[in-house]
Structure formats: structure tokens, C-alpha cells
Amino acid sequence: MSDLLIPATEAVVEGISGSDLREVMNIEFGTLSLYLDDTATKLLKKGFLNFTLKSCEGDLLLYPIHNFQQNAILVRFQESLNEPNASCVMNVYEKDGHIVLYHWEGFLSVLERQTMKLVSQSFTK
């Protein structure tokens, strides 16, 4: 399990609406759930990416944006960026053993499956 994700607080959990759930992906150590609409806005404003991970042990985990952006990577086709883009995630899927996030602002992020660490990001628009 990744140390980049943290347990959700009760205040954050109360803001998550099942009606905003868009995608669910089962991975080795839990279930990743992508939220859009009001839930996405609330999570992003509180400093989290707009998905949750429910661990096999039943813990609800969130990915703080500052943890996501701490990975020193070069963003392909936007090399002048000082940090990775963490805009709203619109789609999530698996590819070549990685978790891929497609962001609202046209960025594609690739996460290492076991650690959830950002390993690459590129601008696609």
C-alpha cells in the first residue's frame, strides 16, 4: 500500500456523494473510485485528487495533491511547468501495469500501480 495516500477524515467523507461516482477500478490493494461533479469539486478544494481508494482492510484513502506533485518529473510537451498538473481527473484506466489518469486540462498521468507514485505525465492537447 502506498504511503502517498492518507486516511479520509469524517468531514471529507461526508462530502462524498454516491451519485457523483463515475468509475470504479479494482486493483490489488483495494478499489479505486473516481468522482466527478460536486464531489470532485469538494475533494479538489480540500486539496485531494478526485478519487478515493478503499483498501482491502476497509480504510478509505485519499491522494493529497501535494503528495502527487512532490514527484520530480519532467512533463512531456510542457517542459516549462514547475510541477505536475493536478486538475480534475476525468477518466482512469489501466495500461501496461500502470494506472492512467486523464485530467480535465489535457494531461495524462501515469502512476506506478503498487505505490501510486506518479512516474510520468504528458500534455495531450
Foldseek 3Di string as FASTA:
>chain_A
DAPQKDFDDPVLVVQDDPVQWDDWDDADFFIKTAGDDRNQVSQVVVQFARIWTQGPVGTIITHGPVSQFVDDDQAAPCRVDPTDDRAHFDDWDDDPQWIWTAHPQQKIWTARRPHRHTDYMYGHD
